[in-house]
Amino acid sequence: MAIRDILVHFSEDPRNGAKTDVALQIAQRDGAHVTALYTLPPPQHLFYMGEYVPPEFYQRQIDEARAAAKKAKAEFEAAAAKQGVVAEWIESERLPVEAIETYGRAFDLLVLGQPDPDPENPVLVPSGMDVLPHDISLRAGRPILTVPYAGNYPKIGHRVMVAWNGSRESTRAVHDALPFLTKAEHVTVYCINADRSRGTPGAELARHLARHSVKVDVANTVIEDMEAGEALLSAVADRSIDLLVMGAYGHSRLREMVFGGVTETILSSMTVPVLLSN
């Protein structure tokens, strides 16, 4: 089982290079094609602080956005050519969530960036970018690999942790992650405060993964004075994990979807790439 078609999202983002490196790393491993989808930011409206702004200002924003896209395209294509990966470039003027949802359903894997957890000016964050992995994981129907806002990740998927609770979402995440799990040096099935009434939590999943020739162990932990997301992040650090696999959990609507506490903690404080699936 291998990943053959990857979509990586670009924008006016200093982390485009990190996302490129991750996508090309996976593409080299699996012989995949990589498509970059660049979403052009919409220009600001023509009124600012109650005063009229001339059309020239509007056009300048458009020109600057297209110049940034052109620069990002050249860097992406050069990196892909250097790595010997077949690559393609797409630009869209649609909002990021809409563009990725529309294009992304025809790909094996979507690579996105973690939103800046502490932007200098939240007002200037483009619409939807502050919750992009959250929304896409619930809407696209494809696995989402989210790259942290900081750091470089030259090795992804060597030591993998699966956050397992037996739910539909975590089940889907495990099977979406099989292209990574079957190639990993080691996989840990990690269970927190699991129900032991049916035996050893995670044992059935471990047996299933072993039949796929996955090198796997099960870790069960009980926590009382720590939030589950924090416990996961701590275990990731303690075990030198380089990829976390977990289900994405959505609950009642406020604006789009309000995430469960564990998912929200991981997406706001991730230290390694996270594969999300719903």
C-alpha atoms as a PDB file:
ATOM      1  CA  MET A   1       0.000   0.000   0.000  1.00  0.00           C
ATOM      2  CA  ALA A   2       1.439   3.374  -1.019  1.00  0.00           C
ATOM      3  CA  ILE A   3       0.498   7.008  -1.432  1.00  0.00           C
ATOM      4  CA  ARG A   4       0.454   7.979  -5.118  1.00  0.00           C
ATOM      5  CA  ASP A   5      -1.135  11.440  -5.218  1.00  0.00           C
ATOM      6  CA  ILE A   6      -0.390  14.264  -2.752  1.00  0.00           C
ATOM      7  CA  LEU A   7      -1.907  17.742  -2.559  1.00  0.00           C
ATOM      8  CA  VAL A   8       0.048  20.345  -0.576  1.00  0.00           C
ATOM      9  CA  HIS A   9      -1.527  23.690   0.284  1.00  0.00           C
ATOM     10  CA  PHE A  10       0.418  26.921  -0.223  1.00  0.00           C
ATOM     11  CA  SER A  11      -0.415  30.514   0.610  1.00  0.00           C
ATOM     12  CA  GLU A  12       1.472  33.652   1.613  1.00  0.00           C
ATOM     13  CA  ASP A  13       3.093  31.598   4.342  1.00  0.00           C
ATOM     14  CA  PRO A  14       6.750  31.431   5.455  1.00  0.00           C
ATOM     15  CA  ARG A  15       6.211  27.691   6.052  1.00  0.00           C
ATOM     16  CA  ASN A  16       5.658  26.831   2.390  1.00  0.00           C
ATOM     17  CA  GLY A  17       9.189  25.431   2.243  1.00  0.00           C
ATOM     18  CA  ALA A  18       8.617  23.144   5.240  1.00  0.00           C
ATOM     19  CA  LYS A  19       5.413  21.805   3.691  1.00  0.00           C
ATOM     20  CA  THR A  20       7.242  21.253   0.398  1.00  0.00           C
ATOM     21  CA  ASP A  21       9.974  19.251   2.155  1.00  0.00           C
ATOM     22  CA  VAL A  22       7.402  17.022   3.872  1.00  0.00           C
ATOM     23  CA  ALA A  23       5.371  16.406   0.708  1.00  0.00           C
ATOM     24  CA  LEU A  24       8.471  15.631  -1.377  1.00  0.00           C
ATOM     25  CA  GLN A  25       9.854  13.340   1.329  1.00  0.00           C
ATOM     26  CA  ILE A  26       6.692  11.221   1.189  1.00  0.00           C
ATOM     27  CA  ALA A  27       6.587  11.395  -2.607  1.00  0.00           C
ATOM     28  CA  GLN A  28      10.140  10.102  -2.903  1.00  0.00           C
ATOM     29  CA  ARG A  29       9.387   7.228  -0.538  1.00  0.00           C
ATOM     30  CA  ASP A  30       6.205   6.121  -2.301  1.00  0.00           C
ATOM     31  CA  GLY A  31       6.831   7.288  -5.865  1.00  0.00           C
ATOM     32  CA  ALA A  32       3.993   9.808  -5.635  1.00  0.00           C
ATOM     33  CA  HIS A  33       2.951  12.794  -7.722  1.00  0.00           C
ATOM     34  CA  VAL A  34       2.760  16.119  -5.836  1.00  0.00           C
ATOM     35  CA  THR A  35       0.362  18.936  -6.681  1.00  0.00           C
ATOM     36  CA  ALA A  36       0.736  22.329  -5.022  1.00  0.00           C
ATOM     37  CA  LEU A  37      -2.484  24.299  -4.572  1.00  0.00           C
ATOM     38  CA  TYR A  38      -1.788  27.991  -3.968  1.00  0.00           C
ATOM     39  CA  THR A  39      -4.743  29.982  -2.674  1.00  0.00           C
ATOM     40  CA  LEU A  40      -4.415  33.664  -3.507  1.00  0.00           C
ATOM     41  CA  PRO A  41      -5.486  35.939  -0.638  1.00  0.00           C
ATOM     42  CA  PRO A  42      -8.476  38.171  -1.399  1.00  0.00           C
ATOM     43  CA  PRO A  43      -7.626  41.885  -1.470  1.00  0.00           C
ATOM     44  CA  GLN A  44      -8.810  44.015   1.410  1.00  0.00           C
ATOM     45  CA  HIS A  45     -11.983  45.993   0.840  1.00  0.00           C
ATOM     46  CA  LEU A  46     -11.797  49.508  -0.568  1.00  0.00           C
ATOM     47  CA  PHE A  47     -12.660  51.277   2.661  1.00  0.00           C
ATOM     48  CA  TYR A  48     -10.199  51.480   5.518  1.00  0.00           C
ATOM     49  CA  MET A  49     -10.930  53.150   8.846  1.00  0.00           C
ATOM     50  CA  GLY A  50     -13.969  54.773   7.252  1.00  0.00           C
ATOM     51  CA  GLU A  51     -12.005  56.399   4.439  1.00  0.00           C
ATOM     52  CA  TYR A  52     -12.119  55.637   0.736  1.00  0.00           C
ATOM     53  CA  VAL A  53      -9.106  53.832  -0.705  1.00  0.00           C
ATOM     54  CA  PRO A  54      -8.480  54.255  -4.457  1.00  0.00           C
ATOM     55  CA  PRO A  55      -8.678  51.299  -6.871  1.00  0.00           C
ATOM     56  CA  GLU A  56      -4.913  51.495  -7.384  1.00  0.00           C
ATOM     57  CA  PHE A  57      -4.462  50.204  -3.836  1.00  0.00           C
ATOM     58  CA  TYR A  58      -6.757  47.284  -4.620  1.00  0.00           C
ATOM     59  CA  GLN A  59      -4.808  46.442  -7.796  1.00  0.00           C
ATOM     60  CA  ARG A  60      -1.494  46.688  -5.971  1.00  0.00           C
ATOM     61  CA  GLN A  61      -2.653  44.027  -3.516  1.00  0.00           C
ATOM     62  CA  ILE A  62      -3.586  41.740  -6.397  1.00  0.00           C
ATOM     63  CA  ASP A  63      -0.232  42.296  -8.113  1.00  0.00           C
ATOM     64  CA  GLU A  64       1.704  41.640  -4.903  1.00  0.00           C
ATOM     65  CA  ALA A  65      -0.265  38.459  -4.247  1.00  0.00           C
ATOM     66  CA  ARG A  66       0.432  37.146  -7.737  1.00  0.00           C
ATOM     67  CA  ALA A  67       4.122  38.023  -7.424  1.00  0.00           C
ATOM     68  CA  ALA A  68       4.289  36.049  -4.160  1.00  0.00           C
ATOM     69  CA  ALA A  69       2.576  33.105  -5.867  1.00  0.00           C
ATOM     70  CA  LYS A  70       5.037  33.258  -8.776  1.00  0.00           C
ATOM     71  CA  LYS A  71       7.996  33.185  -6.365  1.00  0.00           C
ATOM     72  CA  ALA A  72       6.489  30.262  -4.416  1.00  0.00           C
ATOM     73  CA  LYS A  73       5.891  28.362  -7.662  1.00  0.00           C
ATOM     74  CA  ALA A  74       9.501  28.765  -8.779  1.00  0.00           C
ATOM     75  CA  GLU A  75      10.794  27.548  -5.397  1.00  0.00           C
ATOM     76  CA  PHE A  76       8.414  24.577  -5.348  1.00  0.00           C
ATOM     77  CA  GLU A  77       9.226  23.473  -8.896  1.00  0.00           C
ATOM     78  CA  ALA A  78      12.965  23.795  -8.260  1.00  0.00           C
ATOM     79  CA  ALA A  79      12.716  21.676  -5.088  1.00  0.00           C
ATOM     80  CA  ALA A  80      10.629  19.028  -6.853  1.00  0.00           C
ATOM     81  CA  ALA A  81      13.036  18.868  -9.799  1.00  0.00           C
ATOM     82  CA  LYS A  82      16.010  18.526  -7.436  1.00  0.00           C
ATOM     83  CA  GLN A  83      14.315  15.586  -5.692  1.00  0.00           C
ATOM     84  CA  GLY A  84      13.201  14.003  -8.968  1.00  0.00           C
ATOM     85  CA  VAL A  85       9.516  14.241  -8.072  1.00  0.00           C
ATOM     86  CA  VAL A  86       6.827  14.825 -10.698  1.00  0.00           C
ATOM     87  CA  ALA A  87       5.006  17.993  -9.660  1.00  0.00           C
ATOM     88  CA  GLU A  88       2.132  20.228 -10.728  1.00  0.00           C
ATOM     89  CA  TRP A  89       0.993  23.741  -9.751  1.00  0.00           C
ATOM     90  CA  ILE A  90      -2.568  25.045  -9.316  1.00  0.00           C
ATOM     91  CA  GLU A  91      -3.721  28.513  -8.271  1.00  0.00           C
ATOM     92  CA  SER A  92      -7.142  29.393  -6.915  1.00  0.00           C
ATOM     93  CA  GLU A  93      -8.866  32.624  -5.892  1.00  0.00           C
ATOM     94  CA  ARG A  94     -11.371  30.735  -3.751  1.00  0.00           C
ATOM     95  CA  LEU A  95     -11.172  30.715   0.033  1.00  0.00           C
ATOM     96  CA  PRO A  96      -8.651  28.101   1.256  1.00  0.00           C
ATOM     97  CA  VAL A  97     -11.237  25.778   2.832  1.00  0.00           C
ATOM     98  CA  GLU A  98     -13.391  25.793  -0.302  1.00  0.00           C
ATOM     99  CA  ALA A  99     -10.461  25.303  -2.696  1.00  0.00           C
ATOM    100  CA  ILE A 100      -8.834  22.492  -0.708  1.00  0.00           C
ATOM    101  CA  GLU A 101     -12.152  20.734  -0.143  1.00  0.00           C
ATOM    102  CA  THR A 102     -12.970  20.860  -3.856  1.00  0.00           C
ATOM    103  CA  TYR A 103      -9.580  19.755  -5.188  1.00  0.00           C
ATOM    104  CA  GLY A 104      -8.548  17.572  -2.265  1.00  0.00           C
ATOM    105  CA  ARG A 105     -11.088  14.802  -2.669  1.00  0.00           C
ATOM    106  CA  ALA A 106      -9.188  13.479  -5.677  1.00  0.00           C
ATOM    107  CA  PHE A 107      -5.940  12.919  -3.722  1.00  0.00           C
ATOM    108  CA  ASP A 108      -4.581  10.261  -1.378  1.00  0.00           C
ATOM    109  CA  LEU A 109      -3.173  12.731   1.142  1.00  0.00           C
ATOM    110  CA  LEU A 110      -3.494  16.448   1.883  1.00  0.00           C
ATOM    111  CA  VAL A 111      -0.538  18.299   3.420  1.00  0.00           C
ATOM    112  CA  LEU A 112      -1.438  21.456   5.333  1.00  0.00           C
ATOM    113  CA  GLY A 113       0.336  23.734   7.779  1.00  0.00           C
ATOM    114  CA  GLN A 114      -0.549  24.322  11.408  1.00  0.00           C
ATOM    115  CA  PRO A 115      -1.993  27.840  11.784  1.00  0.00           C
ATOM    116  CA  ASP A 116       0.231  30.310  13.605  1.00  0.00           C
ATOM    117  CA  PRO A 117      -0.722  29.664  17.255  1.00  0.00           C
ATOM    118  CA  ASP A 118       0.203  33.235  18.239  1.00  0.00           C
ATOM    119  CA  PRO A 119      -0.213  35.641  15.304  1.00  0.00           C
ATOM    120  CA  GLU A 120       1.001  39.199  15.810  1.00  0.00           C
ATOM    121  CA  ASN A 121      -2.230  40.598  14.431  1.00  0.00           C
ATOM    122  CA  PRO A 122      -5.116  38.082  14.311  1.00  0.00           C
ATOM    123  CA  VAL A 123      -7.206  40.560  12.294  1.00  0.00           C
ATOM    124  CA  LEU A 124      -4.822  40.162   9.341  1.00  0.00           C
ATOM    125  CA  VAL A 125      -5.052  36.348   9.261  1.00  0.00           C
ATOM    126  CA  PRO A 126      -6.865  35.430   6.010  1.00  0.00           C
ATOM    127  CA  SER A 127     -10.369  34.049   6.375  1.00  0.00           C
ATOM    128  CA  GLY A 128     -10.387  30.406   7.417  1.00  0.00           C
ATOM    129  CA  MET A 129      -6.616  30.070   7.823  1.00  0.00           C
ATOM    130  CA  ASP A 130      -6.829  30.101  11.632  1.00  0.00           C
ATOM    131  CA  VAL A 131      -8.782  26.815  11.669  1.00  0.00           C
ATOM    132  CA  LEU A 132      -7.757  25.312   8.340  1.00  0.00           C
ATOM    133  CA  PRO A 133      -6.746  21.761   9.439  1.00  0.00           C
ATOM    134  CA  HIS A 134      -9.784  21.630  11.730  1.00  0.00           C
ATOM    135  CA  ASP A 135     -12.249  22.418   8.957  1.00  0.00           C
ATOM    136  CA  ILE A 136     -10.594  20.413   6.189  1.00  0.00           C
ATOM    137  CA  SER A 137     -10.272  17.231   8.267  1.00  0.00           C
ATOM    138  CA  LEU A 138     -14.022  17.311   8.849  1.00  0.00           C
ATOM    139  CA  ARG A 139     -15.048  18.270   5.322  1.00  0.00           C
ATOM    140  CA  ALA A 140     -12.649  16.830   2.744  1.00  0.00           C
ATOM    141  CA  GLY A 141     -13.062  13.126   3.461  1.00  0.00           C
ATOM    142  CA  ARG A 142      -9.311  12.612   3.031  1.00  0.00           C
ATOM    143  CA  PRO A 143      -6.462  12.136   5.529  1.00  0.00           C
ATOM    144  CA  ILE A 144      -4.776  15.392   6.504  1.00  0.00           C
ATOM    145  CA  LEU A 145      -1.084  15.582   7.347  1.00  0.00           C
ATOM    146  CA  THR A 146      -0.573  18.784   9.344  1.00  0.00           C
ATOM    147  CA  VAL A 147       2.969  20.181   9.542  1.00  0.00           C
ATOM    148  CA  PRO A 148       3.802  22.138  12.736  1.00  0.00           C
ATOM    149  CA  TYR A 149       4.273  25.884  12.523  1.00  0.00           C
ATOM    150  CA  ALA A 150       7.876  25.602  13.694  1.00  0.00           C
ATOM    151  CA  GLY A 151      10.691  23.121  13.112  1.00  0.00           C
ATOM    152  CA  ASN A 152      11.955  20.869  10.318  1.00  0.00           C
ATOM    153  CA  TYR A 153      10.990  17.232   9.853  1.00  0.00           C
ATOM    154  CA  PRO A 154      13.474  15.332   7.672  1.00  0.00           C
ATOM    155  CA  LYS A 155      12.168  11.954   8.881  1.00  0.00           C
ATOM    156  CA  ILE A 156       8.438  11.362   9.117  1.00  0.00           C
ATOM    157  CA  GLY A 157       6.885   8.000   9.855  1.00  0.00           C
ATOM    158  CA  HIS A 158       9.854   6.124  11.309  1.00  0.00           C
ATOM    159  CA  ARG A 159       8.428   6.080  14.843  1.00  0.00           C
ATOM    160  CA  VAL A 160       4.651   6.457  14.820  1.00  0.00           C
ATOM    161  CA  MET A 161       2.117   6.762  17.605  1.00  0.00           C
ATOM    162  CA  VAL A 162      -1.569   5.936  17.089  1.00  0.00           C
ATOM    163  CA  ALA A 163      -3.946   7.636  19.531  1.00  0.00           C
ATOM    164  CA  TRP A 164      -6.480   4.829  19.939  1.00  0.00           C
ATOM    165  CA  ASN A 165      -9.861   4.790  21.663  1.00  0.00           C
ATOM    166  CA  GLY A 166     -11.750   2.376  19.430  1.00  0.00           C
ATOM    167  CA  SER A 167     -13.999   5.085  17.963  1.00  0.00           C
ATOM    168  CA  ARG A 168     -15.080   5.360  14.333  1.00  0.00           C
ATOM    169  CA  GLU A 169     -12.790   8.368  13.883  1.00  0.00           C
ATOM    170  CA  SER A 170      -9.686   6.685  15.278  1.00  0.00           C
ATOM    171  CA  THR A 171     -10.476   3.537  13.270  1.00  0.00           C
ATOM    172  CA  ARG A 172     -10.628   5.576  10.082  1.00  0.00           C
ATOM    173  CA  ALA A 173      -7.378   7.332  10.995  1.00  0.00           C
ATOM    174  CA  VAL A 174      -5.536   4.029  11.504  1.00  0.00           C
ATOM    175  CA  HIS A 175      -6.562   2.656   8.139  1.00  0.00           C
ATOM    176  CA  ASP A 176      -5.857   5.945   6.340  1.00  0.00           C
ATOM    177  CA  ALA A 177      -2.405   5.827   7.936  1.00  0.00           C
ATOM    178  CA  LEU A 178      -1.546   2.282   6.797  1.00  0.00           C
ATOM    179  CA  PRO A 179       0.845   3.558   4.069  1.00  0.00           C
ATOM    180  CA  PHE A 180       2.885   5.069   6.922  1.00  0.00           C
ATOM    181  CA  LEU A 181       2.383   2.305   9.475  1.00  0.00           C
ATOM    182  CA  THR A 182       3.507  -0.512   7.179  1.00  0.00           C
ATOM    183  CA  LYS A 183       6.796   1.314   6.488  1.00  0.00           C
ATOM    184  CA  ALA A 184       7.492   2.482  10.055  1.00  0.00           C
ATOM    185  CA  GLU A 185      10.380   1.168  12.130  1.00  0.00           C
ATOM    186  CA  HIS A 186       7.998   0.950  15.073  1.00  0.00           C
ATOM    187  CA  VAL A 187       4.385   1.834  15.894  1.00  0.00           C
ATOM    188  CA  THR A 188       2.892   2.401  19.344  1.00  0.00           C
ATOM    189  CA  VAL A 189      -0.845   2.035  19.896  1.00  0.00           C
ATOM    190  CA  TYR A 190      -1.448   4.489  22.741  1.00  0.00           C
ATOM    191  CA  CYS A 191      -4.577   4.261  24.892  1.00  0.00           C
ATOM    192  CA  ILE A 192      -5.558   6.723  27.646  1.00  0.00           C
ATOM    193  CA  ASN A 193      -8.000   5.793  30.424  1.00  0.00           C
ATOM    194  CA  ALA A 194      -9.304   2.928  28.283  1.00  0.00           C
ATOM    195  CA  ASP A 195     -12.188   0.641  29.208  1.00  0.00           C
ATOM    196  CA  ARG A 196     -10.600  -2.664  30.270  1.00  0.00           C
ATOM    197  CA  SER A 197     -13.851  -4.587  30.482  1.00  0.00           C
ATOM    198  CA  ARG A 198     -13.098  -6.347  27.154  1.00  0.00           C
ATOM    199  CA  GLY A 199      -9.491  -7.210  27.950  1.00  0.00           C
ATOM    200  CA  THR A 200      -6.321  -5.328  27.099  1.00  0.00           C
ATOM    201  CA  PRO A 201      -7.219  -2.072  25.301  1.00  0.00           C
ATOM    202  CA  GLY A 202      -5.551  -1.816  21.901  1.00  0.00           C
ATOM    203  CA  ALA A 203      -4.613  -5.505  21.732  1.00  0.00           C
ATOM    204  CA  GLU A 204      -7.044  -6.296  18.915  1.00  0.00           C
ATOM    205  CA  LEU A 205      -5.779  -3.375  16.851  1.00  0.00           C
ATOM    206  CA  ALA A 206      -2.176  -4.428  17.485  1.00  0.00           C
ATOM    207  CA  ARG A 207      -2.943  -7.955  16.244  1.00  0.00           C
ATOM    208  CA  HIS A 208      -4.583  -6.520  13.134  1.00  0.00           C
ATOM    209  CA  LEU A 209      -1.597  -4.272  12.407  1.00  0.00           C
ATOM    210  CA  ALA A 210       0.819  -7.153  13.003  1.00  0.00           C
ATOM    211  CA  ARG A 211      -0.962  -9.044  10.219  1.00  0.00           C
ATOM    212  CA  HIS A 212       0.029  -6.138   7.980  1.00  0.00           C
ATOM    213  CA  SER A 213       3.637  -6.764   9.091  1.00  0.00           C
ATOM    214  CA  VAL A 214       3.615  -3.635  11.270  1.00  0.00           C
ATOM    215  CA  LYS A 215       6.103  -3.672  14.168  1.00  0.00           C
ATOM    216  CA  VAL A 216       3.750  -2.620  16.950  1.00  0.00           C
ATOM    217  CA  ASP A 217       3.367  -2.454  20.712  1.00  0.00           C
ATOM    218  CA  VAL A 218       0.518  -1.283  22.963  1.00  0.00           C
ATOM    219  CA  ALA A 219       0.846   1.320  25.711  1.00  0.00           C
ATOM    220  CA  ASN A 220      -2.011   1.857  28.159  1.00  0.00           C
ATOM    221  CA  THR A 221      -1.939   4.759  30.566  1.00  0.00           C
ATOM    222  CA  VAL A 222      -4.263   6.130  33.219  1.00  0.00           C
ATOM    223  CA  ILE A 223      -4.249   9.851  33.910  1.00  0.00           C
ATOM    224  CA  GLU A 224      -6.091  11.801  36.566  1.00  0.00           C
ATOM    225  CA  ASP A 225      -4.382  15.176  36.856  1.00  0.00           C
ATOM    226  CA  MET A 226      -3.583  15.871  33.194  1.00  0.00           C
ATOM    227  CA  GLU A 227      -5.693  16.640  30.133  1.00  0.00           C
ATOM    228  CA  ALA A 228      -5.604  13.821  27.573  1.00  0.00           C
ATOM    229  CA  GLY A 229      -4.122  16.005  24.833  1.00  0.00           C
ATOM    230  CA  GLU A 230      -1.277  17.044  27.102  1.00  0.00           C
ATOM    231  CA  ALA A 231      -0.681  13.386  28.005  1.00  0.00           C
ATOM    232  CA  LEU A 232      -0.421  12.538  24.299  1.00  0.00           C
ATOM    233  CA  LEU A 233       2.070  15.331  23.650  1.00  0.00           C
ATOM    234  CA  SER A 234       4.141  14.180  26.623  1.00  0.00           C
ATOM    235  CA  ALA A 235       4.162  10.580  25.356  1.00  0.00           C
ATOM    236  CA  VAL A 236       5.172  11.757  21.864  1.00  0.00           C
ATOM    237  CA  ALA A 237       8.215  13.496  23.348  1.00  0.00           C
ATOM    238  CA  ASP A 238       9.142  10.641  25.703  1.00  0.00           C
ATOM    239  CA  ARG A 239       9.061   8.041  22.910  1.00  0.00           C
ATOM    240  CA  SER A 240      10.802  10.165  20.233  1.00  0.00           C
ATOM    241  CA  ILE A 241       7.732   9.920  17.988  1.00  0.00           C
ATOM    242  CA  ASP A 242       7.958  11.631  14.580  1.00  0.00           C
ATOM    243  CA  LEU A 243       4.326  11.138  13.464  1.00  0.00           C
ATOM    244  CA  LEU A 244       1.107  11.131  15.486  1.00  0.00           C
ATOM    245  CA  VAL A 245      -2.007   9.491  14.012  1.00  0.00           C
ATOM    246  CA  MET A 246      -5.399  10.371  15.443  1.00  0.00           C
ATOM    247  CA  GLY A 247      -9.064  10.801  14.631  1.00  0.00           C
ATOM    248  CA  ALA A 248     -10.519  14.290  14.229  1.00  0.00           C
ATOM    249  CA  TYR A 249     -13.545  14.878  16.412  1.00  0.00           C
ATOM    250  CA  GLY A 250     -16.172  17.494  15.609  1.00  0.00           C
ATOM    251  CA  HIS A 251     -19.071  18.466  17.807  1.00  0.00           C
ATOM    252  CA  SER A 252     -21.941  20.987  17.759  1.00  0.00           C
ATOM    253  CA  ARG A 253     -21.861  23.923  15.354  1.00  0.00           C
ATOM    254  CA  LEU A 254     -20.983  27.418  16.489  1.00  0.00           C
ATOM    255  CA  ARG A 255     -19.352  28.930  13.421  1.00  0.00           C
ATOM    256  CA  GLU A 256     -18.324  25.713  11.634  1.00  0.00           C
ATOM    257  CA  MET A 257     -17.390  22.922  14.026  1.00  0.00           C
ATOM    258  CA  VAL A 258     -16.201  23.112  17.592  1.00  0.00           C
ATOM    259  CA  PHE A 259     -13.461  20.557  18.152  1.00  0.00           C
ATOM    260  CA  GLY A 260     -13.143  18.153  21.006  1.00  0.00           C
ATOM    261  CA  GLY A 261     -10.596  19.059  23.658  1.00  0.00           C
ATOM    262  CA  VAL A 262      -7.929  16.499  22.678  1.00  0.00           C
ATOM    263  CA  THR A 263      -7.946  17.424  18.984  1.00  0.00           C
ATOM    264  CA  GLU A 264      -7.856  21.131  19.779  1.00  0.00           C
ATOM    265  CA  THR A 265      -4.938  20.698  22.197  1.00  0.00           C
ATOM    266  CA  ILE A 266      -2.924  18.725  19.653  1.00  0.00           C
ATOM    267  CA  LEU A 267      -3.585  21.141  16.782  1.00  0.00           C
ATOM    268  CA  SER A 268      -2.656  24.165  18.870  1.00  0.00           C
ATOM    269  CA  SER A 269       0.447  22.665  20.532  1.00  0.00           C
ATOM    270  CA  MET A 270       1.746  19.990  18.116  1.00  0.00           C
ATOM    271  CA  THR A 271       5.463  19.248  18.156  1.00  0.00           C
ATOM    272  CA  VAL A 272       5.522  16.653  15.334  1.00  0.00           C
ATOM    273  CA  PRO A 273       3.457  16.221  12.159  1.00  0.00           C
ATOM    274  CA  VAL A 274      -0.047  14.906  12.853  1.00  0.00           C
ATOM    275  CA  LEU A 275      -2.122  12.735  10.526  1.00  0.00           C
ATOM    276  CA  LEU A 276      -5.801  13.535  11.103  1.00  0.00           C
ATOM    277  CA  SER A 277      -8.756  11.654   9.722  1.00  0.00           C
ATOM    278  CA  ASN A 278     -12.500  11.830  10.144  1.00  0.00           C
END
